[in-house]
Amino acid sequence: MERVAIRNMTKQTTVASAAERATSFLSRGRGLLGRKGLPIGGGLVIVPCANIHMIGMQFALDVIFLDRAGRVVKLYPDLRPWRPYAGARKAHTTLELPVGAIRESATTLGDLLMIELPA
């Protein structure tokens, strides 16, 4: 999978420095299932994706839903494993991140996030 960085352009912070980008049917469907955790600065960008679940997951996540323009439309800090979750009606992209990434990047509803190749 391709590595990308996720930047909060509104707050001028880094959300993830080395996230993976899942764009194929298989990589989107599998997500992070089977993994034991995410490294600091890691994450998964799922495109397109407007809903997730935590069934089968072994660790908690911070989850951010973005619209097509990259605006934050929903935030879920510290989602616990083995629970069903809905998504966001207007979402096009889902970011699955280590717990604490939302707080550390000061990301809030309406912020503009940019997904870019690392320099």
PDB file of N, CA and C in Angstrom:
ATOM      1  N   MET A   1       0.835  -1.192   0.000  1.00  0.00           N
ATOM      2  CA  MET A   1       0.000   0.000   0.000  1.00  0.00           C
ATOM      3  C   MET A   1       0.875   1.250   0.000  1.00  0.00           C
ATOM      4  N   GLU A   2       0.370   2.271  -0.599  1.00  0.00           N
ATOM      5  CA  GLU A   2       1.069   3.550  -0.702  1.00  0.00           C
ATOM      6  C   GLU A   2       1.092   4.268   0.655  1.00  0.00           C
ATOM      7  N   ARG A   3       2.230   4.856   0.997  1.00  0.00           N
ATOM      8  CA  ARG A   3       2.360   5.638   2.235  1.00  0.00           C
ATOM      9  C   ARG A   3       2.035   7.097   1.954  1.00  0.00           C
ATOM     10  N   VAL A   4       1.286   7.708   2.877  1.00  0.00           N
ATOM     11  CA  VAL A   4       0.911   9.112   2.743  1.00  0.00           C
ATOM     12  C   VAL A   4       1.021   9.808   4.089  1.00  0.00           C
ATOM     13  N   ALA A   5       1.073  11.124   4.052  1.00  0.00           N
ATOM     14  CA  ALA A   5       1.005  11.945   5.259  1.00  0.00           C
ATOM     15  C   ALA A   5      -0.359  12.622   5.275  1.00  0.00           C
ATOM     16  N   ILE A   6      -0.864  12.875   6.463  1.00  0.00           N
ATOM     17  CA  ILE A   6      -2.144  13.565   6.611  1.00  0.00           C
ATOM     18  C   ILE A   6      -1.889  14.830   7.411  1.00  0.00           C
ATOM     19  N   ARG A   7      -2.201  15.961   6.809  1.00  0.00           N
ATOM     20  CA  ARG A   7      -1.967  17.261   7.443  1.00  0.00           C
ATOM     21  C   ARG A   7      -3.291  17.965   7.710  1.00  0.00           C
ATOM     22  N   ASN A   8      -3.383  18.588   8.877  1.00  0.00           N
ATOM     23  CA  ASN A   8      -4.525  19.439   9.194  1.00  0.00           C
ATOM     24  C   ASN A   8      -4.148  20.846   8.742  1.00  0.00           C
ATOM     25  N   MET A   9      -4.704  21.278   7.624  1.00  0.00           N
ATOM     26  CA  MET A   9      -4.365  22.579   7.053  1.00  0.00           C
ATOM     27  C   MET A   9      -4.954  23.725   7.872  1.00  0.00           C
ATOM     28  N   THR A  10      -6.064  23.483   8.549  1.00  0.00           N
ATOM     29  CA  THR A  10      -6.699  24.511   9.374  1.00  0.00           C
ATOM     30  C   THR A  10      -5.847  24.834  10.590  1.00  0.00           C
ATOM     31  N   LYS A  11      -5.343  23.796  11.261  1.00  0.00           N
ATOM     32  CA  LYS A  11      -4.572  23.974  12.495  1.00  0.00           C
ATOM     33  C   LYS A  11      -3.067  23.954  12.261  1.00  0.00           C
ATOM     34  N   GLN A  12      -2.645  23.627  11.030  1.00  0.00           N
ATOM     35  CA  GLN A  12      -1.220  23.509  10.696  1.00  0.00           C
ATOM     36  C   GLN A  12      -0.528  22.462  11.581  1.00  0.00           C
ATOM     37  N   THR A  13      -1.179  21.299  11.706  1.00  0.00           N
ATOM     38  CA  THR A  13      -0.625  20.188  12.482  1.00  0.00           C
ATOM     39  C   THR A  13      -0.558  18.939  11.605  1.00  0.00           C
ATOM     40  N   THR A  14       0.206  17.955  12.059  1.00  0.00           N
ATOM     41  CA  THR A  14       0.288  16.667  11.373  1.00  0.00           C
ATOM     42  C   THR A  14      -0.607  15.674  12.094  1.00  0.00           C
ATOM     43  N   VAL A  15      -1.504  15.054  11.356  1.00  0.00           N
ATOM     44  CA  VAL A  15      -2.397  14.040  11.909  1.00  0.00           C
ATOM     45  C   VAL A  15      -1.710  12.677  11.869  1.00  0.00           C
ATOM     46  N   ALA A  16      -1.039  12.377  10.761  1.00  0.00           N
ATOM     47  CA  ALA A  16      -0.272  11.136  10.603  1.00  0.00           C
ATOM     48  C   ALA A  16       0.867  11.403   9.632  1.00  0.00           C
ATOM     49  N   SER A  17       2.037  10.880   9.947  1.00  0.00           N
ATOM     50  CA  SER A  17       3.204  11.112   9.087  1.00  0.00           C
ATOM     51  C   SER A  17       3.486   9.952   8.140  1.00  0.00           C
ATOM     52  N   ALA A  18       2.961   8.767   8.452  1.00  0.00           N
ATOM     53  CA  ALA A  18       3.240   7.584   7.621  1.00  0.00           C
ATOM     54  C   ALA A  18       2.035   6.651   7.600  1.00  0.00           C
ATOM     55  N   ALA A  19       0.909   7.154   7.108  1.00  0.00           N
ATOM     56  CA  ALA A  19      -0.301   6.340   6.997  1.00  0.00           C
ATOM     57  C   ALA A  19      -0.265   5.546   5.696  1.00  0.00           C
ATOM     58  N   GLU A  20      -1.008   4.459   5.662  1.00  0.00           N
ATOM     59  CA  GLU A  20      -1.160   3.670   4.446  1.00  0.00           C
ATOM     60  C   GLU A  20      -2.476   4.063   3.786  1.00  0.00           C
ATOM     61  N   ARG A  21      -2.523   3.952   2.467  1.00  0.00           N
ATOM     62  CA  ARG A  21      -3.724   4.323   1.720  1.00  0.00           C
ATOM     63  C   ARG A  21      -4.337   3.071   1.108  1.00  0.00           C
ATOM     64  N   ALA A  22      -5.579   2.757   1.512  1.00  0.00           N
ATOM     65  CA  ALA A  22      -6.290   1.585   1.003  1.00  0.00           C
ATOM     66  C   ALA A  22      -7.298   2.031  -0.049  1.00  0.00           C
ATOM     67  N   THR A  23      -7.068   1.642  -1.292  1.00  0.00           N
ATOM     68  CA  THR A  23      -7.973   2.046  -2.367  1.00  0.00           C
ATOM     69  C   THR A  23      -8.582   0.863  -3.111  1.00  0.00           C
ATOM     70  N   SER A  24      -7.987  -0.310  -3.000  1.00  0.00           N
ATOM     71  CA  SER A  24      -8.549  -1.475  -3.693  1.00  0.00           C
ATOM     72  C   SER A  24      -9.694  -2.060  -2.868  1.00  0.00           C
ATOM     73  N   PHE A  25     -10.550  -2.817  -3.526  1.00  0.00           N
ATOM     74  CA  PHE A  25     -11.671  -3.452  -2.844  1.00  0.00           C
ATOM     75  C   PHE A  25     -11.177  -4.316  -1.683  1.00  0.00           C
ATOM     76  N   LEU A  26     -10.140  -5.101  -1.922  1.00  0.00           N
ATOM     77  CA  LEU A  26      -9.601  -5.994  -0.901  1.00  0.00           C
ATOM     78  C   LEU A  26      -8.994  -5.225   0.269  1.00  0.00           C
ATOM     79  N   SER A  27      -8.172  -4.224  -0.002  1.00  0.00           N
ATOM     80  CA  SER A  27      -7.522  -3.477   1.084  1.00  0.00           C
ATOM     81  C   SER A  27      -8.529  -2.658   1.891  1.00  0.00           C
ATOM     82  N   ARG A  28      -9.569  -2.149   1.236  1.00  0.00           N
ATOM     83  CA  ARG A  28     -10.613  -1.412   1.967  1.00  0.00           C
ATOM     84  C   ARG A  28     -11.407  -2.358   2.849  1.00  0.00           C
ATOM     85  N   GLY A  29     -11.721  -3.536   2.340  1.00  0.00           N
ATOM     86  CA  GLY A  29     -12.506  -4.498   3.101  1.00  0.00           C
ATOM     87  C   GLY A  29     -11.757  -5.059   4.294  1.00  0.00           C
ATOM     88  N   ARG A  30     -10.476  -5.281   4.130  1.00  0.00           N
ATOM     89  CA  ARG A  30      -9.675  -5.832   5.226  1.00  0.00           C
ATOM     90  C   ARG A  30      -9.339  -4.774   6.267  1.00  0.00           C
ATOM     91  N   GLY A  31      -9.068  -3.570   5.825  1.00  0.00           N
ATOM     92  CA  GLY A  31      -8.726  -2.502   6.763  1.00  0.00           C
ATOM     93  C   GLY A  31      -7.548  -2.887   7.636  1.00  0.00           C
ATOM     94  N   LEU A  32      -7.733  -2.755   8.937  1.00  0.00           N
ATOM     95  CA  LEU A  32      -6.672  -3.075   9.896  1.00  0.00           C
ATOM     96  C   LEU A  32      -6.890  -4.413  10.594  1.00  0.00           C
ATOM     97  N   LEU A  33      -7.854  -5.208  10.109  1.00  0.00           N
ATOM     98  CA  LEU A  33      -8.109  -6.515  10.718  1.00  0.00           C
ATOM     99  C   LEU A  33      -6.855  -7.375  10.670  1.00  0.00           C
ATOM    100  N   GLY A  34      -6.569  -8.056  11.762  1.00  0.00           N
ATOM    101  CA  GLY A  34      -5.409  -8.927  11.844  1.00  0.00           C
ATOM    102  C   GLY A  34      -4.161  -8.252  12.385  1.00  0.00           C
ATOM    103  N   ARG A  35      -4.200  -6.951  12.514  1.00  0.00           N
ATOM    104  CA  ARG A  35      -3.040  -6.238  13.061  1.00  0.00           C
ATOM    105  C   ARG A  35      -3.179  -6.106  14.572  1.00  0.00           C
ATOM    106  N   LYS A  36      -2.048  -5.972  15.231  1.00  0.00           N
ATOM    107  CA  LYS A  36      -2.042  -5.859  16.693  1.00  0.00           C
ATOM    108  C   LYS A  36      -2.049  -4.415  17.173  1.00  0.00           C
ATOM    109  N   GLY A  37      -1.798  -3.469  16.273  1.00  0.00           N
ATOM    110  CA  GLY A  37      -1.778  -2.058  16.645  1.00  0.00           C
ATOM    111  C   GLY A  37      -1.263  -1.206  15.505  1.00  0.00           C
ATOM    112  N   LEU A  38      -1.178   0.080  15.771  1.00  0.00           N
ATOM    113  CA  LEU A  38      -0.641   1.045  14.810  1.00  0.00           C
ATOM    114  C   LEU A  38       0.530   1.773  15.444  1.00  0.00           C
ATOM    115  N   PRO A  39       1.582   2.024  14.691  1.00  0.00           N
ATOM    116  CA  PRO A  39       2.686   2.812  15.248  1.00  0.00           C
ATOM    117  C   PRO A  39       2.285   4.282  15.378  1.00  0.00           C
ATOM    118  N   ILE A  40       2.966   4.999  16.235  1.00  0.00           N
ATOM    119  CA  ILE A  40       2.756   6.440  16.342  1.00  0.00           C
ATOM    120  C   ILE A  40       3.052   7.045  14.977  1.00  0.00           C
ATOM    121  N   GLY A  41       2.178   7.915  14.513  1.00  0.00           N
ATOM    122  CA  GLY A  41       2.333   8.522  13.196  1.00  0.00           C
ATOM    123  C   GLY A  41       1.741   7.696  12.072  1.00  0.00           C
ATOM    124  N   GLY A  42       1.299   6.481  12.396  1.00  0.00           N
ATOM    125  CA  GLY A  42       0.715   5.603  11.395  1.00  0.00           C
ATOM    126  C   GLY A  42      -0.776   5.824  11.247  1.00  0.00           C
ATOM    127  N   GLY A  43      -1.386   5.014  10.413  1.00  0.00           N
ATOM    128  CA  GLY A  43      -2.821   5.098  10.204  1.00  0.00           C
ATOM    129  C   GLY A  43      -3.205   4.428   8.909  1.00  0.00           C
ATOM    130  N   LEU A  44      -4.494   4.466   8.622  1.00  0.00           N
ATOM    131  CA  LEU A  44      -5.009   3.912   7.381  1.00  0.00           C
ATOM    132  C   LEU A  44      -6.014   4.887   6.801  1.00  0.00           C
ATOM    133  N   VAL A  45      -5.832   5.232   5.536  1.00  0.00           N
ATOM    134  CA  VAL A  45      -6.750   6.091   4.788  1.00  0.00           C
ATOM    135  C   VAL A  45      -7.562   5.176   3.885  1.00  0.00           C
ATOM    136  N   ILE A  46      -8.890   5.165   4.049  1.00  0.00           N
ATOM    137  CA  ILE A  46      -9.754   4.286   3.266  1.00  0.00           C
ATOM    138  C   ILE A  46     -10.625   5.145   2.346  1.00  0.00           C
ATOM    139  N   VAL A  47     -10.455   4.932   1.030  1.00  0.00           N
ATOM    140  CA  VAL A  47     -11.162   5.733   0.028  1.00  0.00           C
ATOM    141  C   VAL A  47     -11.752   4.816  -1.033  1.00  0.00           C
ATOM    142  N   PRO A  48     -13.033   4.881  -1.359  1.00  0.00           N
ATOM    143  CA  PRO A  48     -14.071   5.586  -0.622  1.00  0.00           C
ATOM    144  C   PRO A  48     -14.528   4.752   0.564  1.00  0.00           C
ATOM    145  N   CYS A  49     -15.013   5.414   1.597  1.00  0.00           N
ATOM    146  CA  CYS A  49     -15.511   4.732   2.791  1.00  0.00           C
ATOM    147  C   CYS A  49     -16.284   5.723   3.650  1.00  0.00           C
ATOM    148  N   ALA A  50     -17.517   5.370   3.986  1.00  0.00           N
ATOM    149  CA  ALA A  50     -18.348   6.235   4.820  1.00  0.00           C
ATOM    150  C   ALA A  50     -18.805   5.544   6.098  1.00  0.00           C
ATOM    151  N   ASN A  51     -18.482   4.251   6.270  1.00  0.00           N
ATOM    152  CA  ASN A  51     -18.894   3.491   7.449  1.00  0.00           C
ATOM    153  C   ASN A  51     -17.804   2.504   7.837  1.00  0.00           C
ATOM    154  N   ILE A  52     -17.686   2.265   9.136  1.00  0.00           N
ATOM    155  CA  ILE A  52     -16.748   1.252   9.618  1.00  0.00           C
ATOM    156  C   ILE A  52     -17.405   0.448  10.731  1.00  0.00           C
ATOM    157  N   HIS A  53     -16.747  -0.626  11.116  1.00  0.00           N
ATOM    158  CA  HIS A  53     -17.117  -1.384  12.309  1.00  0.00           C
ATOM    159  C   HIS A  53     -15.824  -1.779  13.007  1.00  0.00           C
ATOM    160  N   MET A  54     -15.949  -2.174  14.257  1.00  0.00           N
ATOM    161  CA  MET A  54     -14.772  -2.587  15.021  1.00  0.00           C
ATOM    162  C   MET A  54     -14.830  -4.076  15.374  1.00  0.00           C
ATOM    163  N   ILE A  55     -15.734  -4.818  14.734  1.00  0.00           N
ATOM    164  CA  ILE A  55     -15.843  -6.252  14.973  1.00  0.00           C
ATOM    165  C   ILE A  55     -14.565  -6.927  14.470  1.00  0.00           C
ATOM    166  N   GLY A  56     -13.920  -7.687  15.339  1.00  0.00           N
ATOM    167  CA  GLY A  56     -12.692  -8.382  14.974  1.00  0.00           C
ATOM    168  C   GLY A  56     -11.421  -7.592  15.228  1.00  0.00           C
ATOM    169  N   MET A  57     -11.562  -6.323  15.574  1.00  0.00           N
ATOM    170  CA  MET A  57     -10.377  -5.502  15.853  1.00  0.00           C
ATOM    171  C   MET A  57      -9.799  -5.865  17.217  1.00  0.00           C
ATOM    172  N   GLN A  58      -8.484  -5.702  17.353  1.00  0.00           N
ATOM    173  CA  GLN A  58      -7.810  -6.048  18.595  1.00  0.00           C
ATOM    174  C   GLN A  58      -7.339  -4.830  19.375  1.00  0.00           C
ATOM    175  N   PHE A  59      -7.607  -3.635  18.860  1.00  0.00           N
ATOM    176  CA  PHE A  59      -7.144  -2.425  19.535  1.00  0.00           C
ATOM    177  C   PHE A  59      -8.080  -1.265  19.206  1.00  0.00           C
ATOM    178  N   ALA A  60      -8.054  -0.249  20.046  1.00  0.00           N
ATOM    179  CA  ALA A  60      -8.899   0.934  19.860  1.00  0.00           C
ATOM    180  C   ALA A  60      -8.304   1.855  18.795  1.00  0.00           C
ATOM    181  N   LEU A  61      -9.145   2.711  18.239  1.00  0.00           N
ATOM    182  CA  LEU A  61      -8.736   3.650  17.195  1.00  0.00           C
ATOM    183  C   LEU A  61      -9.368   5.017  17.404  1.00  0.00           C
ATOM    184  N   ASP A  62      -8.722   6.048  16.901  1.00  0.00           N
ATOM    185  CA  ASP A  62      -9.361   7.332  16.628  1.00  0.00           C
ATOM    186  C   ASP A  62      -9.786   7.270  15.169  1.00  0.00           C
ATOM    187  N   VAL A  63     -11.001   7.716  14.863  1.00  0.00           N
ATOM    188  CA  VAL A  63     -11.493   7.672  13.486  1.00  0.00           C
ATOM    189  C   VAL A  63     -12.012   9.048  13.079  1.00  0.00           C
ATOM    190  N   ILE A  64     -11.604   9.482  11.893  1.00  0.00           N
ATOM    191  CA  ILE A  64     -12.047  10.757  11.332  1.00  0.00           C
ATOM    192  C   ILE A  64     -12.688  10.478   9.982  1.00  0.00           C
ATOM    193  N   PHE A  65     -13.878  11.042   9.761  1.00  0.00           N
ATOM    194  CA  PHE A  65     -14.556  10.949   8.477  1.00  0.00           C
ATOM    195  C   PHE A  65     -14.454  12.287   7.762  1.00  0.00           C
ATOM    196  N   LEU A  66     -14.078  12.241   6.475  1.00  0.00           N
ATOM    197  CA  LEU A  66     -13.921  13.438   5.653  1.00  0.00           C
ATOM    198  C   LEU A  66     -14.916  13.420   4.495  1.00  0.00           C
ATOM    199  N   ASP A  67     -15.357  14.612   4.078  1.00  0.00           N
ATOM    200  CA  ASP A  67     -16.161  14.698   2.860  1.00  0.00           C
ATOM    201  C   ASP A  67     -15.232  14.713   1.647  1.00  0.00           C
ATOM    202  N   ARG A  68     -15.775  14.857   0.458  1.00  0.00           N
ATOM    203  CA  ARG A  68     -14.962  14.826  -0.767  1.00  0.00           C
ATOM    204  C   ARG A  68     -13.950  15.963  -0.836  1.00  0.00           C
ATOM    205  N   ALA A  69     -14.235  17.072  -0.155  1.00  0.00           N
ATOM    206  CA  ALA A  69     -13.325  18.222  -0.166  1.00  0.00           C
ATOM    207  C   ALA A  69     -12.227  18.098   0.886  1.00  0.00           C
ATOM    208  N   GLY A  70     -12.300  17.077   1.756  1.00  0.00           N
ATOM    209  CA  GLY A  70     -11.303  16.903   2.807  1.00  0.00           C
ATOM    210  C   GLY A  70     -11.678  17.559   4.122  1.00  0.00           C
ATOM    211  N   ARG A  71     -12.927  18.007   4.255  1.00  0.00           N
ATOM    212  CA  ARG A  71     -13.394  18.610   5.505  1.00  0.00           C
ATOM    213  C   ARG A  71     -13.842  17.523   6.475  1.00  0.00           C
ATOM    214  N   VAL A  72     -13.523  17.713   7.748  1.00  0.00           N
ATOM    215  CA  VAL A  72     -13.924  16.764   8.788  1.00  0.00           C
ATOM    216  C   VAL A  72     -15.432  16.881   9.013  1.00  0.00           C
ATOM    217  N   VAL A  73     -16.149  15.752   8.827  1.00  0.00           N
ATOM    218  CA  VAL A  73     -17.596  15.750   9.036  1.00  0.00           C
ATOM    219  C   VAL A  73     -18.002  14.950  10.271  1.00  0.00           C
ATOM    220  N   LYS A  74     -17.101  14.124  10.802  1.00  0.00           N
ATOM    221  CA  LYS A  74     -17.393  13.353  12.015  1.00  0.00           C
ATOM    222  C   LYS A  74     -16.088  12.893  12.637  1.00  0.00           C
ATOM    223  N   LEU A  75     -16.050  12.900  13.966  1.00  0.00           N
ATOM    224  CA  LEU A  75     -14.879  12.450  14.731  1.00  0.00           C
ATOM    225  C   LEU A  75     -15.317  11.403  15.745  1.00  0.00           C
ATOM    226  N   TYR A  76     -14.565  10.334  15.845  1.00  0.00           N
ATOM    227  CA  TYR A  76     -14.795   9.314  16.865  1.00  0.00           C
ATOM    228  C   TYR A  76     -13.475   9.046  17.581  1.00  0.00           C
ATOM    229  N   PRO A  77     -13.204   9.714  18.695  1.00  0.00           N
ATOM    230  CA  PRO A  77     -11.983   9.398  19.439  1.00  0.00           C
ATOM    231  C   PRO A  77     -12.155   8.102  20.239  1.00  0.00           C
ATOM    232  N   ASP A  78     -11.097   7.317  20.309  1.00  0.00           N
ATOM    233  CA  ASP A  78     -11.031   6.130  21.167  1.00  0.00           C
ATOM    234  C   ASP A  78     -12.177   5.141  20.950  1.00  0.00           C
ATOM    235  N   LEU A  79     -12.371   4.716  19.714  1.00  0.00           N
ATOM    236  CA  LEU A  79     -13.363   3.674  19.431  1.00  0.00           C
ATOM    237  C   LEU A  79     -12.837   2.347  19.950  1.00  0.00           C
ATOM    238  N   ARG A  80     -13.651   1.669  20.718  1.00  0.00           N
ATOM    239  CA  ARG A  80     -13.250   0.407  21.332  1.00  0.00           C
ATOM    240  C   ARG A  80     -13.464  -0.761  20.368  1.00  0.00           C
ATOM    241  N   PRO A  81     -12.623  -1.799  20.463  1.00  0.00           N
ATOM    242  CA  PRO A  81     -12.792  -2.965  19.588  1.00  0.00           C
ATOM    243  C   PRO A  81     -14.056  -3.760  19.916  1.00  0.00           C
ATOM    244  N   TRP A  82     -14.457  -4.560  18.945  1.00  0.00           N
ATOM    245  CA  TRP A  82     -15.581  -5.490  19.057  1.00  0.00           C
ATOM    246  C   TRP A  82     -16.926  -4.798  19.246  1.00  0.00           C
ATOM    247  N   ARG A  83     -17.080  -3.624  18.662  1.00  0.00           N
ATOM    248  CA  ARG A  83     -18.363  -2.929  18.741  1.00  0.00           C
ATOM    249  C   ARG A  83     -18.765  -2.448  17.353  1.00  0.00           C
ATOM    250  N   PRO A  84     -20.071  -2.450  17.071  1.00  0.00           N
ATOM    251  CA  PRO A  84     -20.522  -1.898  15.789  1.00  0.00           C
ATOM    252  C   PRO A  84     -20.539  -0.375  15.856  1.00  0.00           C
ATOM    253  N   TYR A  85     -20.187   0.271  14.775  1.00  0.00           N
ATOM    254  CA  TYR A  85     -20.226   1.728  14.709  1.00  0.00           C
ATOM    255  C   TYR A  85     -20.791   2.143  13.372  1.00  0.00           C
ATOM    256  N   ALA A  86     -21.477   3.250  13.378  1.00  0.00           N
ATOM    257  CA  ALA A  86     -21.956   3.832  12.123  1.00  0.00           C
ATOM    258  C   ALA A  86     -20.867   4.744  11.581  1.00  0.00           C
ATOM    259  N   GLY A  87     -21.159   5.387  10.515  1.00  0.00           N
ATOM    260  CA  GLY A  87     -20.199   6.308   9.925  1.00  0.00           C
ATOM    261  C   GLY A  87     -20.749   7.713   9.897  1.00  0.00           C
ATOM    262  N   ALA A  88     -20.550   8.356   8.785  1.00  0.00           N
ATOM    263  CA  ALA A  88     -21.024   9.722   8.601  1.00  0.00           C
ATOM    264  C   ALA A  88     -21.674   9.809   7.228  1.00  0.00           C
ATOM    265  N   ARG A  89     -22.877  10.302   7.182  1.00  0.00           N
ATOM    266  CA  ARG A  89     -23.661  10.313   5.953  1.00  0.00           C
ATOM    267  C   ARG A  89     -22.958  11.018   4.789  1.00  0.00           C
ATOM    268  N   LYS A  90     -22.275  12.103   5.046  1.00  0.00           N
ATOM    269  CA  LYS A  90     -21.626  12.874   3.980  1.00  0.00           C
ATOM    270  C   LYS A  90     -20.167  12.472   3.748  1.00  0.00           C
ATOM    271  N   ALA A  91     -19.726  11.419   4.416  1.00  0.00           N
ATOM    272  CA  ALA A  91     -18.308  11.040   4.337  1.00  0.00           C
ATOM    273  C   ALA A  91     -17.961  10.372   3.011  1.00  0.00           C
ATOM    274  N   HIS A  92     -16.736  10.599   2.590  1.00  0.00           N
ATOM    275  CA  HIS A  92     -16.173   9.958   1.398  1.00  0.00           C
ATOM    276  C   HIS A  92     -14.884   9.212   1.748  1.00  0.00           C
ATOM    277  N   THR A  93     -14.173   9.691   2.771  1.00  0.00           N
ATOM    278  CA  THR A  93     -12.885   9.133   3.176  1.00  0.00           C
ATOM    279  C   THR A  93     -12.900   8.890   4.677  1.00  0.00           C
ATOM    280  N   THR A  94     -12.318   7.767   5.087  1.00  0.00           N
ATOM    281  CA  THR A  94     -12.204   7.446   6.507  1.00  0.00           C
ATOM    282  C   THR A  94     -10.734   7.332   6.876  1.00  0.00           C
ATOM    283  N   LEU A  95     -10.373   7.945   7.999  1.00  0.00           N
ATOM    284  CA  LEU A  95      -9.014   7.866   8.533  1.00  0.00           C
ATOM    285  C   LEU A  95      -9.059   7.067   9.825  1.00  0.00           C
ATOM    286  N   GLU A  96      -8.338   5.946   9.877  1.00  0.00           N
ATOM    287  CA  GLU A  96      -8.212   5.151  11.092  1.00  0.00           C
ATOM    288  C   GLU A  96      -6.824   5.420  11.653  1.00  0.00           C
ATOM    289  N   LEU A  97      -6.788   5.895  12.898  1.00  0.00           N
ATOM    290  CA  LEU A  97      -5.553   6.420  13.486  1.00  0.00           C
ATOM    291  C   LEU A  97      -5.326   5.866  14.885  1.00  0.00           C
ATOM    292  N   PRO A  98      -4.084   5.935  15.382  1.00  0.00           N
ATOM    293  CA  PRO A  98      -3.836   5.534  16.766  1.00  0.00           C
ATOM    294  C   PRO A  98      -4.619   6.430  17.727  1.00  0.00           C
ATOM    295  N   VAL A  99      -5.054   5.855  18.831  1.00  0.00           N
ATOM    296  CA  VAL A  99      -5.754   6.645  19.844  1.00  0.00           C
ATOM    297  C   VAL A  99      -4.858   7.802  20.282  1.00  0.00           C
ATOM    298  N   GLY A 100      -5.424   8.988  20.341  1.00  0.00           N
ATOM    299  CA  GLY A 100      -4.690  10.191  20.720  1.00  0.00           C
ATOM    300  C   GLY A 100      -4.371  11.090  19.542  1.00  0.00           C
ATOM    301  N   ALA A 101      -4.484  10.571  18.313  1.00  0.00           N
ATOM    302  CA  ALA A 101      -4.139  11.369  17.131  1.00  0.00           C
ATOM    303  C   ALA A 101      -5.060  12.571  16.957  1.00  0.00           C
ATOM    304  N   ILE A 102      -6.349  12.407  17.255  1.00  0.00           N
ATOM    305  CA  ILE A 102      -7.289  13.530  17.135  1.00  0.00           C
ATOM    306  C   ILE A 102      -6.902  14.630  18.109  1.00  0.00           C
ATOM    307  N   ARG A 103      -6.674  14.256  19.352  1.00  0.00           N
ATOM    308  CA  ARG A 103      -6.316  15.238  20.386  1.00  0.00           C
ATOM    309  C   ARG A 103      -4.974  15.897  20.083  1.00  0.00           C
ATOM    310  N   GLU A 104      -3.978  15.106  19.744  1.00  0.00           N
ATOM    311  CA  GLU A 104      -2.629  15.639  19.514  1.00  0.00           C
ATOM    312  C   GLU A 104      -2.561  16.581  18.314  1.00  0.00           C
ATOM    313  N   SER A 105      -3.390  16.349  17.313  1.00  0.00           N
ATOM    314  CA  SER A 105      -3.398  17.224  16.134  1.00  0.00           C
ATOM    315  C   SER A 105      -4.416  18.356  16.265  1.00  0.00           C
ATOM    316  N   ALA A 106      -5.154  18.375  17.381  1.00  0.00           N
ATOM    317  CA  ALA A 106      -6.176  19.401  17.654  1.00  0.00           C
ATOM    318  C   ALA A 106      -7.248  19.444  16.565  1.00  0.00           C
ATOM    319  N   THR A 107      -7.521  18.305  15.950  1.00  0.00           N
ATOM    320  CA  THR A 107      -8.494  18.244  14.860  1.00  0.00           C
ATOM    321  C   THR A 107      -9.917  18.332  15.399  1.00  0.00           C
ATOM    322  N   THR A 108     -10.733  19.186  14.755  1.00  0.00           N
ATOM    323  CA  THR A 108     -12.130  19.371  15.139  1.00  0.00           C
ATOM    324  C   THR A 108     -13.014  19.361  13.892  1.00  0.00           C
ATOM    325  N   LEU A 109     -14.324  19.294  14.109  1.00  0.00           N
ATOM    326  CA  LEU A 109     -15.276  19.325  13.001  1.00  0.00           C
ATOM    327  C   LEU A 109     -15.045  20.547  12.126  1.00  0.00           C
ATOM    328  N   GLY A 110     -15.100  20.349  10.827  1.00  0.00           N
ATOM    329  CA  GLY A 110     -14.946  21.444   9.885  1.00  0.00           C
ATOM    330  C   GLY A 110     -13.521  21.721   9.447  1.00  0.00           C
ATOM    331  N   ASP A 111     -12.534  21.148  10.139  1.00  0.00           N
ATOM    332  CA  ASP A 111     -11.136  21.353   9.738  1.00  0.00           C
ATOM    333  C   ASP A 111     -10.903  20.770   8.343  1.00  0.00           C
ATOM    334  N   LEU A 112      -9.979  21.372   7.611  1.00  0.00           N
ATOM    335  CA  LEU A 112      -9.594  20.884   6.292  1.00  0.00           C
ATOM    336  C   LEU A 112      -8.340  20.034   6.430  1.00  0.00           C
ATOM    337  N   LEU A 113      -8.424  18.766   6.026  1.00  0.00           N
ATOM    338  CA  LEU A 113      -7.281  17.858   6.062  1.00  0.00           C
ATOM    339  C   LEU A 113      -6.810  17.581   4.645  1.00  0.00           C
ATOM    340  N   MET A 114      -5.499  17.438   4.490  1.00  0.00           N
ATOM    341  CA  MET A 114      -4.914  17.135   3.186  1.00  0.00           C
ATOM    342  C   MET A 114      -4.124  15.837   3.290  1.00  0.00           C
ATOM    343  N   ILE A 115      -4.348  14.952   2.330  1.00  0.00           N
ATOM    344  CA  ILE A 115      -3.617  13.694   2.256  1.00  0.00           C
ATOM    345  C   ILE A 115      -2.575  13.862   1.159  1.00  0.00           C
ATOM    346  N   GLU A 116      -1.299  13.695   1.526  1.00  0.00           N
ATOM    347  CA  GLU A 116      -0.221  13.959   0.564  1.00  0.00           C
ATOM    348  C   GLU A 116       0.884  12.922   0.677  1.00  0.00           C
ATOM    349  N   LEU A 117       1.626  12.766  -0.392  1.00  0.00           N
ATOM    350  CA  LEU A 117       2.797  11.896  -0.357  1.00  0.00           C
ATOM    351  C   LEU A 117       3.853  12.535   0.528  1.00  0.00           C
ATOM    352  N   PRO A 118       4.505  11.754   1.411  1.00  0.00           N
ATOM    353  CA  PRO A 118       5.547  12.336   2.263  1.00  0.00           C
ATOM    354  C   PRO A 118       6.706  12.871   1.425  1.00  0.00           C
ATOM    355  N   ALA A 119       7.325  13.927   1.916  1.00  0.00           N
ATOM    356  CA  ALA A 119       8.460  14.543   1.201  1.00  0.00           C
ATOM    357  C   ALA A 119       9.693  13.680   1.308  1.00  0.00           C
TER     358      ALA A 119
END
